[in-house]
């Protein structure tokens, strides 16, 4: 299964919020400068996004929070749309039910990156 191995602070800076990828003992503000966007000039301001841009930002934020790639996220969306009820709520239920997320929520791992690593031996070796 593929996963993102690049800099995690860059993802949090791009979204402008803590994605809980490095959270643990220290606050995220001491690790990442959240007020600057990666790849932008110093002092430049963000332009207003269109409706499509806002939807895309929220989708990317959700994908990055749960650590899933685009194709896997699309498959979760298809499953959620087939279930009864609201597609958005069903999607969140499916994402929250993932093993790595449960390991993080139960407190067995200090952040979501570590929970992915902690969940793998339990899957393969029982």
C-alpha atoms as a PDB file:
ATOM      1  CA  UNK A   1       0.000   0.000   0.000  1.00  0.00           C
ATOM      2  CA  UNK A   2       1.447   3.367  -1.007  1.00  0.00           C
ATOM      3  CA  UNK A   3       1.714   6.274   1.396  1.00  0.00           C
ATOM      4  CA  UNK A   4       3.178   9.767   1.482  1.00  0.00           C
ATOM      5  CA  UNK A   5       6.755   9.813   2.773  1.00  0.00           C
ATOM      6  CA  UNK A   6       7.608  13.480   2.180  1.00  0.00           C
ATOM      7  CA  UNK A   7       7.734  16.400   4.630  1.00  0.00           C
ATOM      8  CA  UNK A   8       4.662  16.452   6.857  1.00  0.00           C
ATOM      9  CA  UNK A   9       4.949  20.102   7.903  1.00  0.00           C
ATOM     10  CA  UNK A  10       4.663  21.127   4.263  1.00  0.00           C
ATOM     11  CA  UNK A  11       1.239  19.453   4.084  1.00  0.00           C
ATOM     12  CA  UNK A  12       0.064  21.212   7.246  1.00  0.00           C
ATOM     13  CA  UNK A  13       1.331  24.556   5.955  1.00  0.00           C
ATOM     14  CA  UNK A  14      -0.424  24.043   2.609  1.00  0.00           C
ATOM     15  CA  UNK A  15      -3.756  23.457   4.368  1.00  0.00           C
ATOM     16  CA  UNK A  16      -3.139  26.158   6.980  1.00  0.00           C
ATOM     17  CA  UNK A  17      -4.131  23.907   9.876  1.00  0.00           C
ATOM     18  CA  UNK A  18      -2.796  21.066  11.989  1.00  0.00           C
ATOM     19  CA  UNK A  19      -3.449  17.752  10.224  1.00  0.00           C
ATOM     20  CA  UNK A  20      -2.309  15.765  13.298  1.00  0.00           C
ATOM     21  CA  UNK A  21       0.547  14.194  11.342  1.00  0.00           C
ATOM     22  CA  UNK A  22       3.296  15.328  13.723  1.00  0.00           C
ATOM     23  CA  UNK A  23       1.248  16.217  16.781  1.00  0.00           C
ATOM     24  CA  UNK A  24       2.320  14.605  19.958  1.00  0.00           C
ATOM     25  CA  UNK A  25       4.154  16.112  22.874  1.00  0.00           C
ATOM     26  CA  UNK A  26       5.078  19.522  21.409  1.00  0.00           C
ATOM     27  CA  UNK A  27       2.500  21.883  19.900  1.00  0.00           C
ATOM     28  CA  UNK A  28       2.465  22.075  16.105  1.00  0.00           C
ATOM     29  CA  UNK A  29       3.326  25.806  16.160  1.00  0.00           C
ATOM     30  CA  UNK A  30       6.781  25.012  17.553  1.00  0.00           C
ATOM     31  CA  UNK A  31       7.458  22.608  14.674  1.00  0.00           C
ATOM     32  CA  UNK A  32       5.840  24.273  11.633  1.00  0.00           C
ATOM     33  CA  UNK A  33       5.233  27.836  10.510  1.00  0.00           C
ATOM     34  CA  UNK A  34       1.555  27.493   9.645  1.00  0.00           C
ATOM     35  CA  UNK A  35       1.114  31.091   8.484  1.00  0.00           C
ATOM     36  CA  UNK A  36       3.338  30.696   5.395  1.00  0.00           C
ATOM     37  CA  UNK A  37       2.374  28.602   2.370  1.00  0.00           C
ATOM     38  CA  UNK A  38       5.092  26.405   0.829  1.00  0.00           C
ATOM     39  CA  UNK A  39       6.316  27.784  -2.491  1.00  0.00           C
ATOM     40  CA  UNK A  40       4.989  31.310  -1.966  1.00  0.00           C
ATOM     41  CA  UNK A  41       6.897  34.570  -1.625  1.00  0.00           C
ATOM     42  CA  UNK A  42       7.318  36.161   1.769  1.00  0.00           C
ATOM     43  CA  UNK A  43       4.541  38.651   2.460  1.00  0.00           C
ATOM     44  CA  UNK A  44       2.313  37.561  -0.418  1.00  0.00           C
ATOM     45  CA  UNK A  45      -1.315  36.967   0.447  1.00  0.00           C
ATOM     46  CA  UNK A  46      -3.603  34.144  -0.493  1.00  0.00           C
ATOM     47  CA  UNK A  47      -6.040  34.758  -3.294  1.00  0.00           C
ATOM     48  CA  UNK A  48      -9.695  33.980  -2.778  1.00  0.00           C
ATOM     49  CA  UNK A  49     -10.562  30.520  -4.035  1.00  0.00           C
ATOM     50  CA  UNK A  50     -13.547  29.632  -6.201  1.00  0.00           C
ATOM     51  CA  UNK A  51     -16.197  27.185  -5.008  1.00  0.00           C
ATOM     52  CA  UNK A  52     -14.401  24.383  -6.836  1.00  0.00           C
ATOM     53  CA  UNK A  53     -11.114  25.431  -5.233  1.00  0.00           C
ATOM     54  CA  UNK A  54     -12.677  25.326  -1.766  1.00  0.00           C
ATOM     55  CA  UNK A  55     -14.106  21.855  -2.396  1.00  0.00           C
ATOM     56  CA  UNK A  56     -10.734  20.628  -3.663  1.00  0.00           C
ATOM     57  CA  UNK A  57      -8.909  22.071  -0.606  1.00  0.00           C
ATOM     58  CA  UNK A  58     -11.323  20.314   1.763  1.00  0.00           C
ATOM     59  CA  UNK A  59     -10.993  17.022  -0.116  1.00  0.00           C
ATOM     60  CA  UNK A  60      -7.193  17.257  -0.039  1.00  0.00           C
ATOM     61  CA  UNK A  61      -7.277  18.113   3.659  1.00  0.00           C
ATOM     62  CA  UNK A  62      -9.437  15.057   4.395  1.00  0.00           C
ATOM     63  CA  UNK A  63      -7.192  12.804   2.289  1.00  0.00           C
ATOM     64  CA  UNK A  64      -4.081  14.044   4.053  1.00  0.00           C
ATOM     65  CA  UNK A  65      -5.614  13.775   7.526  1.00  0.00           C
ATOM     66  CA  UNK A  66      -6.412  10.104   7.021  1.00  0.00           C
ATOM     67  CA  UNK A  67      -3.295   9.334   4.965  1.00  0.00           C
ATOM     68  CA  UNK A  68      -5.003   7.781   1.945  1.00  0.00           C
ATOM     69  CA  UNK A  69      -4.028   8.193  -1.684  1.00  0.00           C
ATOM     70  CA  UNK A  70      -6.359   9.478  -4.401  1.00  0.00           C
ATOM     71  CA  UNK A  71      -7.475   6.126  -5.816  1.00  0.00           C
ATOM     72  CA  UNK A  72      -8.156   4.670  -2.379  1.00  0.00           C
ATOM     73  CA  UNK A  73     -10.099   7.811  -1.425  1.00  0.00           C
ATOM     74  CA  UNK A  74     -12.164   7.523  -4.610  1.00  0.00           C
ATOM     75  CA  UNK A  75     -13.009   3.904  -3.745  1.00  0.00           C
ATOM     76  CA  UNK A  76     -14.108   4.963  -0.244  1.00  0.00           C
ATOM     77  CA  UNK A  77     -16.315   7.640  -1.836  1.00  0.00           C
ATOM     78  CA  UNK A  78     -17.913   5.084  -4.162  1.00  0.00           C
ATOM     79  CA  UNK A  79     -18.640   2.783  -1.200  1.00  0.00           C
ATOM     80  CA  UNK A  80     -20.080   5.694   0.789  1.00  0.00           C
ATOM     81  CA  UNK A  81     -22.348   6.764  -2.058  1.00  0.00           C
ATOM     82  CA  UNK A  82     -23.827   3.254  -2.300  1.00  0.00           C
ATOM     83  CA  UNK A  83     -24.752   3.194   1.407  1.00  0.00           C
ATOM     84  CA  UNK A  84     -28.026   4.638   2.705  1.00  0.00           C
ATOM     85  CA  UNK A  85     -27.919   8.128   4.165  1.00  0.00           C
ATOM     86  CA  UNK A  86     -25.664  11.106   3.621  1.00  0.00           C
ATOM     87  CA  UNK A  87     -22.624  10.364   1.465  1.00  0.00           C
ATOM     88  CA  UNK A  88     -20.411  12.724   3.472  1.00  0.00           C
ATOM     89  CA  UNK A  89     -21.280  11.143   6.803  1.00  0.00           C
ATOM     90  CA  UNK A  90     -20.871   7.643   5.374  1.00  0.00           C
ATOM     91  CA  UNK A  91     -17.459   8.612   3.989  1.00  0.00           C
ATOM     92  CA  UNK A  92     -16.321   9.859   7.391  1.00  0.00           C
ATOM     93  CA  UNK A  93     -17.595   6.664   9.055  1.00  0.00           C
ATOM     94  CA  UNK A  94     -15.598   4.543   6.605  1.00  0.00           C
ATOM     95  CA  UNK A  95     -12.456   6.618   7.127  1.00  0.00           C
ATOM     96  CA  UNK A  96     -12.837   6.599  10.921  1.00  0.00           C
ATOM     97  CA  UNK A  97     -13.234   2.807  10.866  1.00  0.00           C
ATOM     98  CA  UNK A  98      -9.765   2.235   9.413  1.00  0.00           C
ATOM     99  CA  UNK A  99      -7.370   0.293  11.630  1.00  0.00           C
ATOM    100  CA  UNK A 100      -4.625   2.939  11.652  1.00  0.00           C
ATOM    101  CA  UNK A 101      -7.141   5.586  12.722  1.00  0.00           C
ATOM    102  CA  UNK A 102      -8.460   3.375  15.527  1.00  0.00           C
ATOM    103  CA  UNK A 103      -4.913   2.759  16.778  1.00  0.00           C
ATOM    104  CA  UNK A 104      -4.380   6.546  16.896  1.00  0.00           C
ATOM    105  CA  UNK A 105      -7.746   7.289  18.555  1.00  0.00           C
ATOM    106  CA  UNK A 106      -7.214   4.638  21.258  1.00  0.00           C
ATOM    107  CA  UNK A 107      -3.884   6.232  22.167  1.00  0.00           C
ATOM    108  CA  UNK A 108      -1.570   3.393  21.135  1.00  0.00           C
ATOM    109  CA  UNK A 109       0.327   5.791  18.850  1.00  0.00           C
ATOM    110  CA  UNK A 110       1.257   9.422  19.467  1.00  0.00           C
ATOM    111  CA  UNK A 111       0.434  10.586  15.927  1.00  0.00           C
ATOM    112  CA  UNK A 112      -1.226   9.289  12.777  1.00  0.00           C
ATOM    113  CA  UNK A 113       2.058   8.563  11.015  1.00  0.00           C
ATOM    114  CA  UNK A 114       3.113   6.266  13.831  1.00  0.00           C
ATOM    115  CA  UNK A 115      -0.299   4.622  13.955  1.00  0.00           C
ATOM    116  CA  UNK A 116       0.131   3.428  10.360  1.00  0.00           C
ATOM    117  CA  UNK A 117       3.419   1.778  11.317  1.00  0.00           C
ATOM    118  CA  UNK A 118       1.928   0.324  14.518  1.00  0.00           C
ATOM    119  CA  UNK A 119      -1.092  -1.125  12.720  1.00  0.00           C
ATOM    120  CA  UNK A 120       0.849  -3.029  10.065  1.00  0.00           C
ATOM    121  CA  UNK A 121       2.348  -5.808  12.262  1.00  0.00           C
ATOM    122  CA  UNK A 122      -1.065  -6.449  13.813  1.00  0.00           C
ATOM    123  CA  UNK A 123      -2.576  -6.920  10.377  1.00  0.00           C
ATOM    124  CA  UNK A 124       0.058  -9.271   9.007  1.00  0.00           C
ATOM    125  CA  UNK A 125       1.104 -11.238  12.072  1.00  0.00           C
ATOM    126  CA  UNK A 126      -2.153 -11.299  14.042  1.00  0.00           C
END
